[in-house]
């Protein structure tokens, strides 16, 4: 709960109204069963690009200076939901040549996708592979409430074992996603923290930035 509350507090200051550019969203999962919901909106038909950097690392072209993301994060699984909570697309990596290969595993496990979206509200959901959606956004994910599921697949204890490798290479809980083409980007905490997040989000809309971090 402490990690979720901290996310909610910072989420309000992460909103970036009134522009269609690039937003960098970073954070750290507490365990395998964690998830992050990143809402965004577009005001007209817009090509939106989502790219992960947390697994293999890389340089994100943020302003005024680029951001260097270290490698070592878990292998993400990313979902895009529309305003009604219906799944539009999902991706769990495999884009060598677009994303880079991890220096330890050699895998290109950073998700990447592009979608031309009409005006509306959307949610980028981030979970750890091989956690998958149960259907609609409101249905949650298969491994909700099951910390340590990746390591358990190898008969190990702990969290953040890489199931895309043969031996469950240990990773950390960090993620980093760049979203370009959106008009507004923010963050939604779990339901118990929504009242507090609402207040902080109102404060957050006072500030404008092109780079932010959920930590």
C-alpha atoms as a PDB file:
ATOM      1  CA  UNK A   1       0.000   0.000   0.000  1.00  0.00           C
ATOM      2  CA  UNK A   2       2.846   2.417   0.761  1.00  0.00           C
ATOM      3  CA  UNK A   3       4.225   2.148  -2.768  1.00  0.00           C
ATOM      4  CA  UNK A   4       0.780   2.685  -4.288  1.00  0.00           C
ATOM      5  CA  UNK A   5       0.145   5.734  -2.108  1.00  0.00           C
ATOM      6  CA  UNK A   6       3.424   7.282  -3.166  1.00  0.00           C
ATOM      7  CA  UNK A   7       2.510   6.711  -6.791  1.00  0.00           C
ATOM      8  CA  UNK A   8      -0.801   8.455  -6.233  1.00  0.00           C
ATOM      9  CA  UNK A   9       0.854  11.487  -4.679  1.00  0.00           C
ATOM     10  CA  UNK A  10       3.287  11.914  -7.525  1.00  0.00           C
ATOM     11  CA  UNK A  11       0.718  11.081 -10.176  1.00  0.00           C
ATOM     12  CA  UNK A  12      -1.057  14.373  -9.702  1.00  0.00           C
ATOM     13  CA  UNK A  13       2.062  16.294 -10.575  1.00  0.00           C
ATOM     14  CA  UNK A  14       2.692  14.126 -13.605  1.00  0.00           C
ATOM     15  CA  UNK A  15      -0.176  15.440 -15.721  1.00  0.00           C
ATOM     16  CA  UNK A  16       0.841  17.398 -18.782  1.00  0.00           C
ATOM     17  CA  UNK A  17      -2.161  19.238 -20.288  1.00  0.00           C
ATOM     18  CA  UNK A  18      -2.322  20.983 -23.590  1.00  0.00           C
ATOM     19  CA  UNK A  19       0.383  19.417 -25.739  1.00  0.00           C
ATOM     20  CA  UNK A  20       1.005  16.409 -27.951  1.00  0.00           C
ATOM     21  CA  UNK A  21       4.612  15.419 -27.387  1.00  0.00           C
ATOM     22  CA  UNK A  22       6.627  12.758 -25.603  1.00  0.00           C
ATOM     23  CA  UNK A  23       6.090  11.698 -22.003  1.00  0.00           C
ATOM     24  CA  UNK A  24       8.437   9.421 -20.077  1.00  0.00           C
ATOM     25  CA  UNK A  25       6.779   7.324 -17.388  1.00  0.00           C
ATOM     26  CA  UNK A  26       9.038   5.525 -14.903  1.00  0.00           C
ATOM     27  CA  UNK A  27       8.355   3.501 -11.789  1.00  0.00           C
ATOM     28  CA  UNK A  28       9.196   0.433  -9.734  1.00  0.00           C
ATOM     29  CA  UNK A  29       6.984  -2.583  -9.083  1.00  0.00           C
ATOM     30  CA  UNK A  30       6.845  -3.953  -5.539  1.00  0.00           C
ATOM     31  CA  UNK A  31       6.518  -7.558  -6.760  1.00  0.00           C
ATOM     32  CA  UNK A  32       5.496  -9.705  -9.733  1.00  0.00           C
ATOM     33  CA  UNK A  33       1.768  -9.093  -9.255  1.00  0.00           C
ATOM     34  CA  UNK A  34       2.071  -5.293  -9.447  1.00  0.00           C
ATOM     35  CA  UNK A  35       0.540  -3.299 -12.278  1.00  0.00           C
ATOM     36  CA  UNK A  36       0.598   0.312 -13.442  1.00  0.00           C
ATOM     37  CA  UNK A  37      -2.270   2.129 -15.153  1.00  0.00           C
ATOM     38  CA  UNK A  38      -1.257   5.184 -17.171  1.00  0.00           C
ATOM     39  CA  UNK A  39      -4.237   7.116 -18.590  1.00  0.00           C
ATOM     40  CA  UNK A  40      -3.838   9.512 -21.475  1.00  0.00           C
ATOM     41  CA  UNK A  41      -6.026  11.388 -23.903  1.00  0.00           C
ATOM     42  CA  UNK A  42      -5.898  12.643 -27.474  1.00  0.00           C
ATOM     43  CA  UNK A  43      -7.984  15.570 -28.717  1.00  0.00           C
ATOM     44  CA  UNK A  44      -8.097  14.506 -32.360  1.00  0.00           C
ATOM     45  CA  UNK A  45      -7.115  11.561 -34.530  1.00  0.00           C
ATOM     46  CA  UNK A  46      -3.489  11.002 -33.632  1.00  0.00           C
ATOM     47  CA  UNK A  47      -0.723   8.453 -34.151  1.00  0.00           C
ATOM     48  CA  UNK A  48       0.356   7.380 -30.673  1.00  0.00           C
ATOM     49  CA  UNK A  49       3.593   5.489 -30.118  1.00  0.00           C
ATOM     50  CA  UNK A  50       4.351   3.520 -26.960  1.00  0.00           C
ATOM     51  CA  UNK A  51       7.851   2.173 -26.359  1.00  0.00           C
ATOM     52  CA  UNK A  52       9.380   0.487 -23.333  1.00  0.00           C
ATOM     53  CA  UNK A  53      12.970   1.125 -22.277  1.00  0.00           C
ATOM     54  CA  UNK A  54      13.102  -0.493 -18.834  1.00  0.00           C
ATOM     55  CA  UNK A  55      14.199  -3.984 -19.880  1.00  0.00           C
ATOM     56  CA  UNK A  56      17.184  -3.356 -22.152  1.00  0.00           C
ATOM     57  CA  UNK A  57      17.704   0.335 -21.443  1.00  0.00           C
ATOM     58  CA  UNK A  58      18.302   3.127 -23.923  1.00  0.00           C
ATOM     59  CA  UNK A  59      18.204   6.865 -24.476  1.00  0.00           C
ATOM     60  CA  UNK A  60      14.813   8.587 -24.461  1.00  0.00           C
ATOM     61  CA  UNK A  61      14.682  11.907 -26.395  1.00  0.00           C
ATOM     62  CA  UNK A  62      13.107  13.942 -23.596  1.00  0.00           C
ATOM     63  CA  UNK A  63      13.390  17.728 -23.399  1.00  0.00           C
ATOM     64  CA  UNK A  64      15.405  19.703 -22.561  1.00  0.00           C
ATOM     65  CA  UNK A  65      17.918  16.858 -22.259  1.00  0.00           C
ATOM     66  CA  UNK A  66      17.702  13.165 -23.204  1.00  0.00           C
ATOM     67  CA  UNK A  67      17.137  10.640 -20.417  1.00  0.00           C
ATOM     68  CA  UNK A  68      19.369   7.585 -20.093  1.00  0.00           C
ATOM     69  CA  UNK A  69      17.492   4.495 -18.910  1.00  0.00           C
ATOM     70  CA  UNK A  70      19.617   1.662 -17.465  1.00  0.00           C
ATOM     71  CA  UNK A  71      18.916  -1.937 -18.398  1.00  0.00           C
ATOM     72  CA  UNK A  72      17.880  -4.562 -15.877  1.00  0.00           C
ATOM     73  CA  UNK A  73      14.135  -4.112 -15.455  1.00  0.00           C
ATOM     74  CA  UNK A  74      11.582  -6.920 -15.691  1.00  0.00           C
ATOM     75  CA  UNK A  75      10.158  -8.081 -19.025  1.00  0.00           C
ATOM     76  CA  UNK A  76       6.943  -6.054 -19.396  1.00  0.00           C
ATOM     77  CA  UNK A  77       3.615  -6.896 -20.972  1.00  0.00           C
ATOM     78  CA  UNK A  78       1.773  -3.769 -22.148  1.00  0.00           C
ATOM     79  CA  UNK A  79      -1.943  -3.358 -22.880  1.00  0.00           C
ATOM     80  CA  UNK A  80      -3.861  -0.472 -24.416  1.00  0.00           C
ATOM     81  CA  UNK A  81      -7.498  -0.037 -23.387  1.00  0.00           C
ATOM     82  CA  UNK A  82     -10.050   2.433 -24.720  1.00  0.00           C
ATOM     83  CA  UNK A  83     -12.225   4.694 -22.573  1.00  0.00           C
ATOM     84  CA  UNK A  84     -14.770   1.910 -22.070  1.00  0.00           C
ATOM     85  CA  UNK A  85     -12.091  -0.499 -20.859  1.00  0.00           C
ATOM     86  CA  UNK A  86     -11.980  -2.600 -24.030  1.00  0.00           C
ATOM     87  CA  UNK A  87      -8.611  -3.947 -25.131  1.00  0.00           C
ATOM     88  CA  UNK A  88      -7.249  -2.332 -28.300  1.00  0.00           C
ATOM     89  CA  UNK A  89      -3.867  -4.036 -28.484  1.00  0.00           C
ATOM     90  CA  UNK A  90      -1.140  -5.621 -26.384  1.00  0.00           C
ATOM     91  CA  UNK A  91       2.562  -6.262 -26.790  1.00  0.00           C
ATOM     92  CA  UNK A  92       5.318  -8.074 -24.908  1.00  0.00           C
ATOM     93  CA  UNK A  93       8.370  -7.265 -26.980  1.00  0.00           C
ATOM     94  CA  UNK A  94      10.320  -9.057 -29.663  1.00  0.00           C
ATOM     95  CA  UNK A  95      11.091  -5.983 -31.787  1.00  0.00           C
ATOM     96  CA  UNK A  96      14.847  -6.303 -32.319  1.00  0.00           C
ATOM     97  CA  UNK A  97      15.960  -3.476 -34.567  1.00  0.00           C
ATOM     98  CA  UNK A  98      13.338  -1.102 -33.182  1.00  0.00           C
ATOM     99  CA  UNK A  99      14.140  -1.760 -29.545  1.00  0.00           C
ATOM    100  CA  UNK A 100      17.583  -2.823 -28.367  1.00  0.00           C
ATOM    101  CA  UNK A 101      18.746  -6.208 -27.096  1.00  0.00           C
ATOM    102  CA  UNK A 102      19.484  -6.543 -23.402  1.00  0.00           C
ATOM    103  CA  UNK A 103      23.193  -6.796 -22.658  1.00  0.00           C
ATOM    104  CA  UNK A 104      22.668  -9.690 -20.220  1.00  0.00           C
ATOM    105  CA  UNK A 105      20.013 -11.858 -21.858  1.00  0.00           C
ATOM    106  CA  UNK A 106      20.322 -10.816 -25.497  1.00  0.00           C
ATOM    107  CA  UNK A 107      16.528 -10.529 -25.642  1.00  0.00           C
ATOM    108  CA  UNK A 108      14.526  -7.633 -27.080  1.00  0.00           C
ATOM    109  CA  UNK A 109      11.761  -7.768 -24.487  1.00  0.00           C
ATOM    110  CA  UNK A 110      10.738  -4.102 -24.461  1.00  0.00           C
ATOM    111  CA  UNK A 111       7.179  -3.689 -25.813  1.00  0.00           C
ATOM    112  CA  UNK A 112       6.565  -1.340 -28.739  1.00  0.00           C
ATOM    113  CA  UNK A 113       3.420  -0.437 -30.650  1.00  0.00           C
ATOM    114  CA  UNK A 114       1.846   2.336 -32.700  1.00  0.00           C
ATOM    115  CA  UNK A 115      -1.874   2.999 -32.988  1.00  0.00           C
ATOM    116  CA  UNK A 116      -3.820   5.717 -34.812  1.00  0.00           C
ATOM    117  CA  UNK A 117      -6.385   6.702 -32.196  1.00  0.00           C
ATOM    118  CA  UNK A 118      -9.492   8.893 -32.466  1.00  0.00           C
ATOM    119  CA  UNK A 119     -10.115  11.602 -29.889  1.00  0.00           C
ATOM    120  CA  UNK A 120     -10.832  10.120 -26.491  1.00  0.00           C
ATOM    121  CA  UNK A 121      -9.433   8.676 -23.294  1.00  0.00           C
ATOM    122  CA  UNK A 122      -7.176   5.631 -23.114  1.00  0.00           C
ATOM    123  CA  UNK A 123      -5.208   3.612 -20.577  1.00  0.00           C
ATOM    124  CA  UNK A 124      -1.800   2.029 -20.941  1.00  0.00           C
ATOM    125  CA  UNK A 125      -1.605  -0.909 -18.527  1.00  0.00           C
ATOM    126  CA  UNK A 126       1.776  -2.353 -17.603  1.00  0.00           C
ATOM    127  CA  UNK A 127       2.263  -5.776 -16.021  1.00  0.00           C
ATOM    128  CA  UNK A 128       5.126  -8.260 -15.897  1.00  0.00           C
ATOM    129  CA  UNK A 129       5.288 -11.020 -18.487  1.00  0.00           C
ATOM    130  CA  UNK A 130       3.786 -13.663 -18.384  1.00  0.00           C
ATOM    131  CA  UNK A 131       0.927 -11.988 -16.529  1.00  0.00           C
ATOM    132  CA  UNK A 132      -1.966 -11.494 -18.951  1.00  0.00           C
ATOM    133  CA  UNK A 133      -5.283  -9.666 -19.050  1.00  0.00           C
ATOM    134  CA  UNK A 134      -8.496 -11.409 -18.002  1.00  0.00           C
ATOM    135  CA  UNK A 135     -10.390  -9.522 -20.713  1.00  0.00           C
ATOM    136  CA  UNK A 136     -11.613  -5.974 -20.205  1.00  0.00           C
ATOM    137  CA  UNK A 137      -9.644  -3.505 -18.104  1.00  0.00           C
ATOM    138  CA  UNK A 138     -12.110  -3.921 -15.231  1.00  0.00           C
ATOM    139  CA  UNK A 139     -11.489  -7.686 -15.200  1.00  0.00           C
ATOM    140  CA  UNK A 140      -7.906  -7.237 -14.010  1.00  0.00           C
ATOM    141  CA  UNK A 141      -5.017  -9.585 -14.691  1.00  0.00           C
ATOM    142  CA  UNK A 142      -4.508 -13.315 -14.192  1.00  0.00           C
ATOM    143  CA  UNK A 143      -1.708 -12.970 -11.634  1.00  0.00           C
ATOM    144  CA  UNK A 144      -3.294 -10.249  -9.489  1.00  0.00           C
ATOM    145  CA  UNK A 145      -2.529 -11.050  -5.848  1.00  0.00           C
ATOM    146  CA  UNK A 146       0.072 -13.669  -6.751  1.00  0.00           C
ATOM    147  CA  UNK A 147       3.519 -12.201  -5.969  1.00  0.00           C
ATOM    148  CA  UNK A 148       6.494 -14.327  -6.915  1.00  0.00           C
ATOM    149  CA  UNK A 149       4.775 -16.122  -9.783  1.00  0.00           C
ATOM    150  CA  UNK A 150       7.700 -15.679 -12.187  1.00  0.00           C
ATOM    151  CA  UNK A 151      10.261 -17.249  -9.867  1.00  0.00           C
ATOM    152  CA  UNK A 152       7.821 -19.994  -8.884  1.00  0.00           C
ATOM    153  CA  UNK A 153       7.819 -21.118 -12.527  1.00  0.00           C
ATOM    154  CA  UNK A 154      11.479 -22.071 -12.012  1.00  0.00           C
ATOM    155  CA  UNK A 155      11.001 -23.523  -8.530  1.00  0.00           C
ATOM    156  CA  UNK A 156      12.606 -20.440  -7.009  1.00  0.00           C
ATOM    157  CA  UNK A 157      11.552 -17.894  -4.417  1.00  0.00           C
ATOM    158  CA  UNK A 158      11.494 -14.136  -4.863  1.00  0.00           C
ATOM    159  CA  UNK A 159      10.269 -11.861  -7.649  1.00  0.00           C
ATOM    160  CA  UNK A 160      11.301 -10.664 -11.091  1.00  0.00           C
ATOM    161  CA  UNK A 161      12.685 -13.866 -12.574  1.00  0.00           C
ATOM    162  CA  UNK A 162      12.824 -13.446 -16.351  1.00  0.00           C
ATOM    163  CA  UNK A 163      10.524 -16.078 -17.839  1.00  0.00           C
ATOM    164  CA  UNK A 164      11.797 -15.239 -21.342  1.00  0.00           C
ATOM    165  CA  UNK A 165      15.099 -16.901 -20.404  1.00  0.00           C
ATOM    166  CA  UNK A 166      15.819 -20.580 -19.816  1.00  0.00           C
ATOM    167  CA  UNK A 167      16.952 -20.224 -16.204  1.00  0.00           C
ATOM    168  CA  UNK A 168      14.857 -17.312 -14.939  1.00  0.00           C
ATOM    169  CA  UNK A 169      17.551 -14.634 -15.008  1.00  0.00           C
ATOM    170  CA  UNK A 170      17.025 -12.263 -12.045  1.00  0.00           C
ATOM    171  CA  UNK A 171      15.820  -8.753 -12.907  1.00  0.00           C
ATOM    172  CA  UNK A 172      14.594  -5.762 -10.914  1.00  0.00           C
ATOM    173  CA  UNK A 173      11.187  -4.076 -10.608  1.00  0.00           C
ATOM    174  CA  UNK A 174      11.928  -1.005 -12.734  1.00  0.00           C
ATOM    175  CA  UNK A 175       9.935   0.012 -15.799  1.00  0.00           C
ATOM    176  CA  UNK A 176      10.164   2.952 -18.196  1.00  0.00           C
ATOM    177  CA  UNK A 177       7.730   3.768 -21.004  1.00  0.00           C
ATOM    178  CA  UNK A 178       7.762   6.621 -23.502  1.00  0.00           C
ATOM    179  CA  UNK A 179       4.398   7.757 -24.876  1.00  0.00           C
ATOM    180  CA  UNK A 180       4.410  10.120 -27.839  1.00  0.00           C
ATOM    181  CA  UNK A 181       1.459  11.736 -29.590  1.00  0.00           C
ATOM    182  CA  UNK A 182      -0.826  12.026 -26.553  1.00  0.00           C
ATOM    183  CA  UNK A 183      -2.348  15.347 -25.483  1.00  0.00           C
ATOM    184  CA  UNK A 184      -2.425  14.630 -21.743  1.00  0.00           C
ATOM    185  CA  UNK A 185      -0.678  11.927 -19.737  1.00  0.00           C
ATOM    186  CA  UNK A 186      -1.208  11.121 -16.067  1.00  0.00           C
ATOM    187  CA  UNK A 187      -1.489   8.154 -13.716  1.00  0.00           C
ATOM    188  CA  UNK A 188      -4.298   6.320 -11.984  1.00  0.00           C
ATOM    189  CA  UNK A 189      -3.673   4.555  -8.632  1.00  0.00           C
ATOM    190  CA  UNK A 190      -5.618   1.643  -7.244  1.00  0.00           C
ATOM    191  CA  UNK A 191      -9.217   2.439  -6.154  1.00  0.00           C
ATOM    192  CA  UNK A 192      -8.437   2.879  -2.439  1.00  0.00           C
ATOM    193  CA  UNK A 193      -6.205   5.856  -3.226  1.00  0.00           C
ATOM    194  CA  UNK A 194      -8.474   7.613  -5.724  1.00  0.00           C
ATOM    195  CA  UNK A 195      -9.802  10.373  -3.392  1.00  0.00           C
ATOM    196  CA  UNK A 196      -6.277  11.446  -2.490  1.00  0.00           C
ATOM    197  CA  UNK A 197      -5.153  11.175  -6.088  1.00  0.00           C
ATOM    198  CA  UNK A 198      -8.029  13.399  -7.225  1.00  0.00           C
ATOM    199  CA  UNK A 199      -6.820  16.229  -4.999  1.00  0.00           C
ATOM    200  CA  UNK A 200      -3.214  15.850  -6.055  1.00  0.00           C
ATOM    201  CA  UNK A 201      -4.178  15.657  -9.720  1.00  0.00           C
ATOM    202  CA  UNK A 202      -5.940  19.010  -9.447  1.00  0.00           C
ATOM    203  CA  UNK A 203      -2.750  20.498  -8.061  1.00  0.00           C
ATOM    204  CA  UNK A 204      -0.729  18.773 -10.703  1.00  0.00           C
ATOM    205  CA  UNK A 205      -2.526  20.420 -13.601  1.00  0.00           C
ATOM    206  CA  UNK A 206      -0.970  23.707 -12.493  1.00  0.00           C
ATOM    207  CA  UNK A 207       2.424  22.465 -13.575  1.00  0.00           C
ATOM    208  CA  UNK A 208       3.543  21.695 -17.101  1.00  0.00           C
ATOM    209  CA  UNK A 209       6.503  19.493 -17.901  1.00  0.00           C
ATOM    210  CA  UNK A 210       7.803  17.265 -20.630  1.00  0.00           C
ATOM    211  CA  UNK A 211       9.603  14.793 -18.459  1.00  0.00           C
ATOM    212  CA  UNK A 212       8.391  13.134 -15.294  1.00  0.00           C
ATOM    213  CA  UNK A 213       9.070  10.096 -13.188  1.00  0.00           C
ATOM    214  CA  UNK A 214       6.954   7.816 -10.992  1.00  0.00           C
ATOM    215  CA  UNK A 215       9.276   6.579  -8.257  1.00  0.00           C
END
